[in-house]
């Protein structure tokens, strides 16, 4: 028997002697599934053999490699491997006659760009809901985040990376009064809290995740020359150190697939299969809005030909509304050490269709490593009767490959060189920087003009500069009609201080008094003199004469 039987994917052998083939129907593989069990019971191997089978039938696969073990999919198993004997023996027991070692086409991805091709998305594509979940924001802070995204849309400012979002948040804080009148309260405390969260995300390596070139989803649907679907392995060993980033990234990817792919109805086989390892991280402390979104995606993405398989330790980790959407189930052993464990075990057993040959609760407790209680969808989508199943052995290498082999696989990838170089096109950060620079330059120019005007005013009032503009005529000589006649006097090239020997009488009769060093204040009833300069505004009204002064 091959790993692809005539009507489905061979998972393993069931029944009393494990001779009954347990088969997953390809046309129901997009009805989603669950792989559960305690640590060390064989969940990773089950994930590996399902990925192999989907790839062999031409279905691309996306999975996260939490421990680094799944990189072995890129290399064929070996007869020198220590488990070669047990594997061949198991294959014989379950009737897997065509069991052979082989490698599968693999594309390695890594958010940090160290163990695979970089995976990036833009802040705008992530959206305010997932970003708020990632940053663990409060309701008020999430409201400010939504306002920020709305402003970016209305202004046409692209949000590509974290510095774009940080710069726009600064602008929102500076214009909070105007924005509050239109969108609701925007407090500096909320803006500051978001900025601190972004700083933490930056420290955790989130900067490398946001930017361009963004991931092209079509690169996840590639096949090799023989028609086998490529297995996209996302390195998650380092990513798991930031659980919130890990869970949000996979949820974003699932949401992007949901929003991008067309409706296909019920295909003969899935267009893509998505394995969500350590699924409990997605739902830990998740707000109801996020859980509702996951439920919506899980319910509706089936019609787009995508199968989603959650991998976790306990079925109780998955909310009931979502658990009810998972048709194909592989339950490895659960250990009941506490009262809560026993309740969870009983609840897990109740999710299976009864088998009169054994007690499901006991079977879940007793199955060994590499064995599981399975229930696979049958014709018309009816859940299959629970079976104790011996999972088939993997054809690819069990365990990780060495760094040199990984590097060679990355170099030969069909997307090699496409995502390695970061692009930084014009976006919100650059636009706001230019606006700030222009505003600063205008303010500097205005300040300089104001300073020049103030200096000129001070000089003018102090009489240190005289242009002659305010003294336009002399009223010393009246014309025939008795009206004073204007007499122009050329402006002097320099002002000479008055002679210390000059008497008041001589100063009063000198015609160059407007330029001498005597301040002459003319009143309607007489004149006063004191050292200084003549100010234009102190000249007599039109029709009054200025006495001439004669200098010695």
Protein backbone atom coordinates (compact mmCIF):
# COMPACT_ATOMS: atom_id res chain seq x y z
CA UNK A 1 0.00 0.00 0.00
CA UNK A 2 1.31 3.45 -0.92
CA UNK A 3 1.08 6.52 1.24
CA UNK A 4 -1.67 7.62 -1.16
CA UNK A 5 -4.25 4.90 -1.40
CA UNK A 6 -6.77 4.95 -4.18
CA UNK A 7 -9.26 7.12 -2.33
CA UNK A 8 -7.16 9.12 0.11
CA UNK A 9 -4.09 9.64 2.26
CA UNK A 10 -2.82 6.67 4.23
CA UNK A 11 -2.39 7.72 7.86
CA UNK A 12 -1.74 4.34 9.47
CA UNK A 13 -3.24 0.99 10.38
CA UNK A 14 -6.14 0.52 12.78
CA UNK A 15 -8.21 -2.30 14.21
CA UNK A 16 -7.18 -5.08 16.60
CA UNK A 17 -4.02 -5.98 14.65
CA UNK A 18 -3.49 -2.57 12.95
CA UNK A 19 -4.25 -4.09 9.57
CA UNK A 20 -7.19 -1.85 8.69
CA UNK A 21 -5.99 1.17 6.69
CA UNK A 22 -6.96 4.51 8.14
CA UNK A 23 -7.43 6.89 5.24
CA UNK A 24 -8.04 10.64 5.04
CA UNK A 25 -10.18 11.58 2.08
CA UNK A 26 -8.56 14.41 0.03
CA UNK A 27 -11.94 15.94 -0.75
CA UNK A 28 -12.55 16.37 2.99
CA UNK A 29 -9.01 17.37 3.92
CA UNK A 30 -10.03 21.03 3.74
CA UNK A 31 -12.54 20.42 6.56
CA UNK A 32 -9.64 21.11 8.93
CA UNK A 33 -8.20 18.90 11.63
CA UNK A 34 -6.65 18.52 15.05
CA UNK A 35 -3.44 16.81 16.15
CA UNK A 36 -3.25 16.65 19.94
CA UNK A 37 -1.28 14.83 22.60
CA UNK A 38 1.15 15.22 25.44
CA UNK A 39 4.80 16.05 24.84
CA UNK A 40 6.76 13.13 23.39
CA UNK A 41 3.78 11.11 22.15
CA UNK A 42 4.42 11.53 18.42
CA UNK A 43 2.56 14.71 17.33
CA UNK A 44 5.53 15.98 15.30
CA UNK A 45 5.86 12.71 13.37
CA UNK A 46 2.13 12.76 12.59
CA UNK A 47 2.48 16.30 11.30
CA UNK A 48 5.48 15.22 9.24
CA UNK A 49 3.80 12.25 7.55
CA UNK A 50 0.69 14.31 6.72
CA UNK A 51 2.88 17.02 5.18
CA UNK A 52 4.67 14.36 3.12
CA UNK A 53 1.38 12.93 1.86
CA UNK A 54 -0.10 16.29 0.91
CA UNK A 55 3.11 17.28 -0.88
CA UNK A 56 3.20 13.99 -2.79
CA UNK A 57 -0.32 14.58 -4.12
CA UNK A 58 0.61 18.09 -5.32
CA UNK A 59 -0.75 20.16 -2.42
CA UNK A 60 1.53 22.91 -1.04
CA UNK A 61 1.94 22.97 2.74
CA UNK A 62 2.73 25.66 5.31
CA UNK A 63 3.98 24.63 8.73
CA UNK A 64 5.98 26.12 11.58
CA UNK A 65 9.06 24.30 12.85
CA UNK A 66 9.05 24.99 16.58
CA UNK A 67 11.88 22.62 17.55
CA UNK A 68 13.80 22.47 14.28
CA UNK A 69 12.93 18.80 13.72
CA UNK A 70 10.81 19.28 10.62
CA UNK A 71 13.70 20.50 8.49
CA UNK A 72 14.37 16.78 7.88
CA UNK A 73 11.57 16.88 5.28
CA UNK A 74 14.15 18.23 2.84
CA UNK A 75 16.28 15.09 3.06
CA UNK A 76 15.46 11.43 2.53
CA UNK A 77 15.61 8.99 5.42
CA UNK A 78 18.54 6.63 5.66
CA UNK A 79 18.99 2.95 6.29
CA UNK A 80 21.82 3.91 8.62
CA UNK A 81 19.38 5.68 10.89
CA UNK A 82 18.94 4.02 14.26
CA UNK A 83 15.18 3.66 13.79
CA UNK A 84 15.41 2.09 10.35
CA UNK A 85 14.56 -1.32 11.75
CA UNK A 86 11.51 -0.25 13.79
CA UNK A 87 10.28 1.82 10.85
CA UNK A 88 10.37 -1.03 8.38
CA UNK A 89 8.81 -3.34 10.94
CA UNK A 90 5.97 -0.93 11.51
CA UNK A 91 5.47 -0.49 7.78
CA UNK A 92 5.10 -4.27 7.46
CA UNK A 93 2.63 -4.40 10.38
CA UNK A 94 0.28 -1.81 8.90
CA UNK A 95 0.59 -3.07 5.33
CA UNK A 96 2.66 -0.15 4.02
CA UNK A 97 4.25 -2.26 1.26
CA UNK A 98 5.67 0.59 -0.81
CA UNK A 99 7.40 2.29 2.08
CA UNK A 100 10.63 3.92 0.88
CA UNK A 101 12.81 6.87 1.82
CA UNK A 102 12.55 10.06 -0.18
CA UNK A 103 13.05 13.81 0.16
CA UNK A 104 10.41 16.45 -0.48
CA UNK A 105 10.62 19.93 -2.02
CA UNK A 106 11.06 22.42 0.82
CA UNK A 107 11.25 26.21 1.04
CA UNK A 108 12.68 27.57 4.28
CA UNK A 109 11.37 30.85 5.71
CA UNK A 110 12.41 32.84 8.75
CA UNK A 111 11.05 36.10 10.16
CA UNK A 112 14.58 37.01 11.20
CA UNK A 113 16.16 35.98 7.89
CA UNK A 114 18.72 33.70 9.53
CA UNK A 115 17.48 30.17 8.79
CA UNK A 116 15.52 30.88 5.65
CA UNK A 117 14.21 33.52 3.29
CA UNK A 118 13.01 36.62 5.17
CA UNK A 119 9.27 36.91 5.74
CA UNK A 120 7.93 40.43 5.90
CA UNK A 121 4.66 42.24 5.84
CA UNK A 122 3.75 45.90 6.10
CA UNK A 123 2.16 47.54 9.11
CA UNK A 124 -0.84 48.42 6.95
CA UNK A 125 -1.35 44.80 5.91
CA UNK A 126 -1.17 43.65 9.52
CA UNK A 127 -4.00 46.03 10.41
CA UNK A 128 -4.99 47.63 13.73
CA UNK A 129 -6.78 44.58 15.18
CA UNK A 130 -3.91 42.12 14.91
CA UNK A 131 -1.36 44.78 15.76
CA UNK A 132 -3.27 45.67 18.92
CA UNK A 133 -3.35 41.97 19.81
CA UNK A 134 0.37 41.73 19.19
CA UNK A 135 1.08 44.74 21.42
CA UNK A 136 -1.45 43.68 24.10
CA UNK A 137 -3.16 47.07 24.02
CA UNK A 138 -6.09 48.13 26.15
CA UNK A 139 -9.41 49.16 24.62
CA UNK A 140 -8.52 52.86 24.82
CA UNK A 141 -5.10 52.26 23.28
CA UNK A 142 -6.63 50.11 20.54
CA UNK A 143 -8.97 53.02 19.79
CA UNK A 144 -5.98 55.33 19.30
CA UNK A 145 -4.42 52.70 17.05
CA UNK A 146 -7.56 52.63 14.90
CA UNK A 147 -7.53 56.43 14.68
CA UNK A 148 -3.90 56.34 13.60
CA UNK A 149 -4.65 53.90 10.78
CA UNK A 150 -7.65 56.00 9.73
CA UNK A 151 -5.50 59.13 9.52
CA UNK A 152 -2.92 57.26 7.42
CA UNK A 153 -5.65 56.17 4.99
CA UNK A 154 -7.15 59.62 4.67
CA UNK A 155 -3.82 61.38 4.21
CA UNK A 156 -2.43 58.75 1.86
CA UNK A 157 0.57 58.03 4.09
CA UNK A 158 1.87 54.49 3.61
CA UNK A 159 2.53 52.52 6.80
CA UNK A 160 5.25 50.07 5.83
CA UNK A 161 7.51 49.54 8.84
CA UNK A 162 7.64 50.34 12.52
CA UNK A 163 9.30 53.72 12.09
CA UNK A 164 6.36 54.80 9.92
CA UNK A 165 3.94 53.91 12.69
CA UNK A 166 6.10 55.52 15.38
CA UNK A 167 6.40 58.76 13.39
CA UNK A 168 2.66 58.88 12.72
CA UNK A 169 1.90 58.31 16.41
CA UNK A 170 4.06 61.33 17.24
CA UNK A 171 2.06 63.39 14.73
CA UNK A 172 -1.21 62.11 16.21
CA UNK A 173 -0.04 63.13 19.68
CA UNK A 174 0.90 66.60 18.48
CA UNK A 175 -2.48 67.06 16.78
CA UNK A 176 -4.55 65.28 19.41
CA UNK A 177 -6.88 68.24 20.05
CA UNK A 178 -8.01 68.43 16.44
CA UNK A 179 -8.28 64.65 16.09
CA UNK A 180 -10.19 64.29 19.36
CA UNK A 181 -12.95 66.55 18.05
CA UNK A 182 -13.36 64.35 15.00
CA UNK A 183 -12.65 60.77 16.12
CA UNK A 184 -12.90 60.82 19.92
CA UNK A 185 -10.47 61.25 22.74
CA UNK A 186 -6.78 60.87 21.92
CA UNK A 187 -4.67 61.06 25.04
CA UNK A 188 -0.92 61.44 25.23
CA UNK A 189 -0.88 58.63 27.80
CA UNK A 190 -2.33 56.17 25.26
CA UNK A 191 0.07 57.33 22.57
CA UNK A 192 2.99 56.95 24.97
CA UNK A 193 1.86 53.47 26.01
CA UNK A 194 1.71 52.34 22.37
CA UNK A 195 5.16 53.77 21.72
CA UNK A 196 6.55 51.80 24.66
CA UNK A 197 4.98 48.60 23.33
CA UNK A 198 6.49 49.25 19.93
CA UNK A 199 9.87 49.68 21.57
CA UNK A 200 9.52 46.27 23.22
CA UNK A 201 8.50 44.72 19.90
CA UNK A 202 11.52 46.33 18.27
CA UNK A 203 13.75 44.83 20.96
CA UNK A 204 12.26 41.37 20.30
CA UNK A 205 13.13 41.60 16.62
CA UNK A 206 9.80 42.80 15.29
CA UNK A 207 11.53 45.39 13.14
CA UNK A 208 12.69 42.69 10.73
CA UNK A 209 9.11 41.47 10.28
CA UNK A 210 7.67 44.80 9.12
CA UNK A 211 8.86 46.24 5.84
CA UNK A 212 9.30 45.50 2.18
CA UNK A 213 9.48 43.50 0.03
CA UNK A 214 6.38 41.97 1.61
CA UNK A 215 5.67 38.28 1.23
CA UNK A 216 4.01 37.38 -2.06
CA UNK A 217 1.42 34.75 -1.18
CA UNK A 218 1.80 33.13 -4.58
CA UNK A 219 5.26 31.97 -3.49
CA UNK A 220 3.56 29.70 -0.97
CA UNK A 221 1.72 27.80 -3.72
CA UNK A 222 4.73 26.63 -5.72
CA UNK A 223 5.35 23.09 -6.93
CA UNK A 224 8.47 21.34 -8.15
CA UNK A 225 9.12 19.99 -11.65
CA UNK A 226 7.45 16.68 -10.80
CA UNK A 227 4.29 18.39 -9.58
CA UNK A 228 4.87 17.84 -5.86
CA UNK A 229 3.68 20.65 -3.65
CA UNK A 230 6.43 22.59 -1.91
CA UNK A 231 6.49 22.39 1.88
CA UNK A 232 6.99 25.88 3.31
CA UNK A 233 8.76 25.52 6.66
CA UNK A 234 8.80 28.59 8.90
CA UNK A 235 11.68 28.51 11.37
CA UNK A 236 10.04 29.17 14.74
CA UNK A 237 12.60 28.03 17.33
CA UNK A 238 13.79 31.60 17.89
CA UNK A 239 10.37 33.05 17.13
CA UNK A 240 8.90 31.04 19.99
CA UNK A 241 10.84 33.25 22.39
CA UNK A 242 8.26 35.90 21.46
CA UNK A 243 5.05 33.84 21.66
CA UNK A 244 2.79 36.77 20.92
CA UNK A 245 4.70 37.62 17.74
CA UNK A 246 4.64 33.95 16.68
CA UNK A 247 0.89 33.56 17.13
CA UNK A 248 0.04 36.92 15.55
CA UNK A 249 2.24 36.22 12.53
CA UNK A 250 0.57 32.88 11.79
CA UNK A 251 -2.87 34.36 12.30
CA UNK A 252 -1.98 37.22 9.95
CA UNK A 253 -0.81 34.72 7.35
CA UNK A 254 -4.03 32.74 7.68
CA UNK A 255 -6.09 35.93 7.42
CA UNK A 256 -4.19 37.04 4.31
CA UNK A 257 -4.91 33.70 2.67
CA UNK A 258 -8.56 34.05 3.55
CA UNK A 259 -8.83 37.56 2.11
CA UNK A 260 -6.79 36.84 -1.02
CA UNK A 261 -7.85 33.43 -2.30
CA UNK A 262 -10.92 33.02 -4.50
CA UNK A 263 -13.86 30.78 -3.70
CA UNK A 264 -13.47 27.25 -5.05
CA UNK A 265 -16.30 25.42 -3.33
CA UNK A 266 -15.50 21.78 -2.53
CA UNK A 267 -12.40 20.81 -4.54
CA UNK A 268 -11.16 17.26 -5.06
CA UNK A 269 -8.16 18.10 -2.91
CA UNK A 270 -7.05 21.17 -0.96
CA UNK A 271 -5.30 24.06 -2.65
CA UNK A 272 -3.16 24.53 0.45
CA UNK A 273 -2.81 22.96 3.90
CA UNK A 274 -1.80 25.05 6.90
CA UNK A 275 -0.45 23.44 10.10
CA UNK A 276 -0.63 25.67 13.18
CA UNK A 277 1.77 24.16 15.73
CA UNK A 278 1.56 25.18 19.41
CA UNK A 279 -1.95 26.45 18.69
CA UNK A 280 -2.61 27.24 22.34
CA UNK A 281 -0.43 30.33 21.94
CA UNK A 282 -3.03 31.77 19.62
CA UNK A 283 -5.80 31.56 22.19
CA UNK A 284 -4.00 32.30 25.46
CA UNK A 285 -5.61 35.45 26.90
CA UNK A 286 -7.05 36.22 23.48
CA UNK A 287 -9.85 38.83 23.42
CA UNK A 288 -13.23 37.70 22.16
CA UNK A 289 -12.90 39.77 18.99
CA UNK A 290 -9.78 37.83 18.03
CA UNK A 291 -11.31 34.44 18.82
CA UNK A 292 -14.32 35.39 16.72
CA UNK A 293 -12.02 36.29 13.85
CA UNK A 294 -10.22 32.93 14.05
CA UNK A 295 -13.56 31.14 14.11
CA UNK A 296 -14.75 33.09 11.10
CA UNK A 297 -11.57 32.32 9.15
CA UNK A 298 -11.68 28.63 10.09
CA UNK A 299 -15.31 28.36 9.06
CA UNK A 300 -15.08 30.23 5.77
CA UNK A 301 -11.60 29.49 4.48
CA UNK A 302 -12.67 25.91 3.78
CA UNK A 303 -14.58 27.12 0.73
CA UNK A 304 -11.34 28.62 -0.58
CA UNK A 305 -9.66 25.22 -0.61
CA UNK A 306 -7.46 25.71 2.46
CA UNK A 307 -7.27 23.11 5.20
CA UNK A 308 -6.17 24.25 8.67
CA UNK A 309 -4.76 21.77 11.20
CA UNK A 310 -4.21 22.85 14.79
CA UNK A 311 -1.44 21.07 16.67
CA UNK A 312 -1.51 21.34 20.44
CA UNK A 313 -1.10 19.30 23.61
CA UNK A 314 -4.70 19.32 24.78
CA UNK A 315 -7.92 19.73 22.79
CA UNK A 316 -9.13 22.00 25.59
CA UNK A 317 -6.58 24.56 24.38
CA UNK A 318 -8.84 25.26 21.40
CA UNK A 319 -12.13 27.14 21.98
CA UNK A 320 -15.20 24.97 21.50
CA UNK A 321 -16.59 27.04 18.64
CA UNK A 322 -13.39 26.44 16.70
CA UNK A 323 -12.99 22.85 17.89
CA UNK A 324 -16.34 22.08 16.34
CA UNK A 325 -14.95 23.04 12.91
CA UNK A 326 -12.17 20.42 13.03
CA UNK A 327 -13.35 17.27 11.27
CA UNK A 328 -10.20 15.11 11.00
CA UNK A 329 -8.70 14.26 14.39
CA UNK A 330 -5.58 12.48 15.57
CA UNK A 331 -5.44 12.19 19.35
CA UNK A 332 -2.19 10.98 20.83
CA UNK A 333 -1.86 10.04 24.47
CA UNK A 334 -3.02 12.36 27.23
CA UNK A 335 -1.63 11.91 30.73
CA UNK A 336 -4.05 12.30 33.63
CA UNK A 337 -1.94 13.30 36.61
CA UNK A 338 -4.36 15.79 38.17
CA UNK A 339 -8.11 16.21 38.56
CA UNK A 340 -8.08 18.79 35.78
CA UNK A 341 -6.19 16.35 33.53
CA UNK A 342 -8.87 13.71 34.14
CA UNK A 343 -11.63 16.16 33.26
CA UNK A 344 -9.80 17.17 30.09
CA UNK A 345 -9.27 13.52 29.18
CA UNK A 346 -12.95 12.74 29.60
CA UNK A 347 -13.91 15.77 27.55
CA UNK A 348 -11.48 14.78 24.78
CA UNK A 349 -12.99 11.28 24.64
CA UNK A 350 -16.49 12.71 24.31
CA UNK A 351 -15.47 14.45 21.07
CA UNK A 352 -15.11 11.11 19.24
CA UNK A 353 -17.65 8.81 17.69
CA UNK A 354 -17.96 5.75 19.93
CA UNK A 355 -16.36 2.43 19.01
CA UNK A 356 -17.97 -0.61 20.67
CA UNK A 357 -14.65 -2.46 20.61
CA UNK A 358 -12.90 -0.28 23.20
CA UNK A 359 -13.37 2.55 25.67
CA UNK A 360 -12.13 5.74 24.06
CA UNK A 361 -11.15 7.40 27.32
CA UNK A 362 -9.02 4.42 28.29
CA UNK A 363 -7.52 4.22 24.81
CA UNK A 364 -6.44 7.88 24.88
CA UNK A 365 -4.74 7.27 28.19
CA UNK A 366 -3.06 4.01 27.12
CA UNK A 367 -1.86 4.51 23.52
CA UNK A 368 1.91 4.43 23.15
CA UNK A 369 4.37 6.61 21.25
CA UNK A 370 3.50 6.72 17.56
CA UNK A 371 -0.01 5.46 18.23
CA UNK A 372 -3.19 7.53 18.36
CA UNK A 373 -6.95 7.47 18.47
CA UNK A 374 -8.10 8.72 15.07
CA UNK A 375 -11.39 9.84 13.62
CA UNK A 376 -11.34 10.81 9.95
CA UNK A 377 -14.23 12.17 7.94
CA UNK A 378 -16.05 9.66 5.80
CA UNK A 379 -18.46 9.99 2.90
CA UNK A 380 -20.77 13.03 3.16
CA UNK A 381 -18.53 14.43 5.86
CA UNK A 382 -19.67 12.01 8.58
CA UNK A 383 -17.11 11.64 11.42
CA UNK A 384 -15.48 8.23 11.30
CA UNK A 385 -15.67 5.76 14.15
CA UNK A 386 -12.77 6.18 16.56
CA UNK A 387 -9.90 3.77 15.88
CA UNK A 388 -6.68 2.94 17.67
CA UNK A 389 -4.20 3.64 14.88
CA UNK A 390 -0.51 2.92 14.48
CA UNK A 391 0.82 5.95 12.58
CA UNK A 392 2.88 5.16 9.51
CA UNK A 393 6.63 5.91 9.59
CA UNK A 394 8.00 8.99 7.77
CA UNK A 395 9.79 8.71 4.43
CA UNK A 396 11.95 11.76 5.00
CA UNK A 397 14.64 12.15 7.64
CA UNK A 398 13.41 12.12 11.21
CA UNK A 399 15.13 15.01 12.93
CA UNK A 400 16.85 18.20 11.76
CA UNK A 401 19.28 18.56 8.89
CA UNK A 402 22.72 20.11 9.32
CA UNK A 403 23.31 23.83 8.60
CA UNK A 404 25.26 23.13 5.39
CA UNK A 405 22.37 21.14 3.93
CA UNK A 406 19.92 23.83 4.93
CA UNK A 407 22.07 26.51 3.28
CA UNK A 408 22.21 24.47 0.07
CA UNK A 409 18.42 24.07 0.03
CA UNK A 410 17.97 27.82 0.56
CA UNK A 411 20.40 28.63 -2.25
CA UNK A 412 18.52 26.37 -4.70
CA UNK A 413 15.10 27.71 -3.72
CA UNK A 414 12.96 29.19 -6.52
CA UNK A 415 12.62 32.42 -4.46
CA UNK A 416 16.33 32.77 -3.66
CA UNK A 417 17.37 36.44 -3.76
CA UNK A 418 13.84 37.78 -3.97
CA UNK A 419 13.40 38.84 -0.34
CA UNK A 420 16.93 39.19 0.95
CA UNK A 421 17.40 42.91 0.14
CA UNK A 422 15.32 45.33 2.22
CA UNK A 423 13.50 48.12 0.37
CA UNK A 424 12.66 51.44 2.01
CA UNK A 425 10.44 53.49 -0.29
CA UNK A 426 8.80 56.80 0.45
CA UNK A 427 6.26 56.34 3.25
CA UNK A 428 4.79 58.04 6.32
CA UNK A 429 8.14 58.45 8.08
CA UNK A 430 9.79 60.22 5.15
CA UNK A 431 6.71 62.37 4.45
CA UNK A 432 6.44 63.53 8.05
CA UNK A 433 10.19 64.14 8.22
CA UNK A 434 9.98 66.42 5.19
CA UNK A 435 6.97 68.24 6.61
CA UNK A 436 8.78 68.74 9.91
CA UNK A 437 11.90 70.00 8.11
CA UNK A 438 9.85 72.42 5.98
CA UNK A 439 7.98 73.67 9.03
CA UNK A 440 11.24 74.16 10.92
CA UNK A 441 12.75 76.07 7.99
CA UNK A 442 9.69 78.32 7.70
CA UNK A 443 9.74 78.96 11.44
CA UNK A 444 13.44 79.80 11.26
CA UNK A 445 12.87 82.21 8.38
CA UNK A 446 9.95 83.83 10.18
CA UNK A 447 12.01 84.16 13.33
CA UNK A 448 14.90 85.71 11.38
CA UNK A 449 12.54 88.19 9.69
CA UNK A 450 10.99 89.07 13.02
CA UNK A 451 14.45 89.57 14.53
CA UNK A 452 15.49 91.80 11.60
CA UNK A 453 12.33 93.85 11.97
CA UNK A 454 12.85 94.23 15.69
CA UNK A 455 16.46 95.31 15.13
CA UNK A 456 15.41 97.85 12.52
CA UNK A 457 12.75 99.23 14.82
CA UNK A 458 15.21 99.60 17.66
CA UNK A 459 17.75 101.35 15.41
CA UNK A 460 15.09 103.62 14.02
CA UNK A 461 13.81 104.63 17.42
CA UNK A 462 17.36 105.13 18.72
CA UNK A 463 18.11 107.44 15.76
CA UNK A 464 21.19 105.49 14.66
CA UNK A 465 20.08 105.34 11.07
CA UNK A 466 18.42 108.08 9.05
CA UNK A 467 17.26 107.71 5.47
CA UNK A 468 15.60 111.06 4.90
CA UNK A 469 12.33 109.40 4.07
CA UNK A 470 10.45 111.17 6.87
CA UNK A 471 11.87 114.69 6.13
CA UNK A 472 10.46 115.61 2.73
CA UNK A 473 10.48 119.40 2.71
CA UNK A 474 11.46 122.55 4.53
CA UNK A 475 8.99 125.18 5.54
CA UNK A 476 11.53 128.00 6.05
CA UNK A 477 10.54 130.11 3.00
CA UNK A 478 6.88 130.82 2.26
CA UNK A 479 5.76 131.47 -1.34
CA UNK A 480 3.85 134.43 -2.65
CA UNK A 481 0.58 133.16 -1.33
CA UNK A 482 2.00 132.89 2.12
CA UNK A 483 2.13 129.11 2.02
CA UNK A 484 5.41 127.59 3.08
CA UNK A 485 7.47 126.23 0.18
CA UNK A 486 9.22 122.86 0.33
CA UNK A 487 12.96 123.05 0.00
CA UNK A 488 14.87 119.82 -0.61
CA UNK A 489 18.06 119.25 1.24
CA UNK A 490 20.43 116.49 0.11
CA UNK A 491 21.14 113.82 2.67
CA UNK A 492 24.61 114.08 4.13
CA UNK A 493 27.13 111.34 3.75
CA UNK A 494 27.95 111.35 7.44
CA UNK A 495 26.70 112.95 10.58
CA UNK A 496 29.06 115.19 12.45
CA UNK A 497 28.67 115.67 16.20
CA UNK A 498 28.02 119.21 17.34
CA UNK A 499 30.92 121.38 18.28
CA UNK A 500 31.34 121.65 22.00
CA UNK A 501 31.90 125.41 21.51
CA UNK A 502 28.64 126.00 19.75
CA UNK A 503 26.24 128.24 21.57
CA UNK A 504 22.51 127.65 21.74
CA UNK A 505 21.97 130.82 19.72
CA UNK A 506 24.24 129.70 16.90
CA UNK A 507 22.68 126.24 16.90
CA UNK A 508 19.24 127.77 16.59
CA UNK A 509 20.18 129.66 13.36
CA UNK A 510 22.17 126.93 11.55
CA UNK A 511 20.37 125.51 8.45
CA UNK A 512 21.94 122.04 8.84
CA UNK A 513 20.17 121.43 12.13
CA UNK A 514 18.31 118.35 10.83
CA UNK A 515 21.69 116.55 10.53
CA UNK A 516 23.66 117.96 13.40
CA UNK A 517 24.21 116.29 16.74
CA UNK A 518 21.52 118.35 18.49
CA UNK A 519 18.08 116.99 19.17
CA UNK A 520 15.71 119.86 18.47
CA UNK A 521 12.21 119.36 19.65
CA UNK A 522 9.98 122.00 18.13
CA UNK A 523 6.83 122.85 19.93
CA UNK A 524 4.10 125.17 18.81
CA UNK A 525 5.22 127.77 21.33
CA UNK A 526 9.01 127.52 21.10
CA UNK A 527 12.05 125.22 20.83
CA UNK A 528 14.12 123.12 23.17
CA UNK A 529 17.54 121.72 22.41
CA UNK A 530 19.65 118.95 23.90
CA UNK A 531 22.46 116.72 22.59
CA UNK A 532 21.23 113.85 20.41
CA UNK A 533 19.78 113.24 16.96
CA UNK A 534 16.73 114.71 15.36
CA UNK A 535 13.85 112.23 15.20
CA UNK A 536 11.54 112.52 12.25
CA UNK A 537 8.40 112.15 14.28
CA UNK A 538 9.46 115.23 16.34
CA UNK A 539 9.49 117.54 13.32
CA UNK A 540 6.96 120.38 13.48
CA UNK A 541 3.61 120.07 11.77
CA UNK A 542 3.22 121.17 8.19
CA UNK A 543 3.22 124.95 7.94
CA UNK A 544 5.64 125.56 10.82
CA UNK A 545 9.26 126.45 10.13
CA UNK A 546 12.40 124.99 11.57
CA UNK A 547 14.82 127.65 12.81
CA UNK A 548 18.21 127.72 11.18
CA UNK A 549 21.32 127.07 13.18
CA UNK A 550 24.80 128.32 12.46
CA UNK A 551 27.76 126.29 13.59
CA UNK A 552 31.03 128.04 14.43
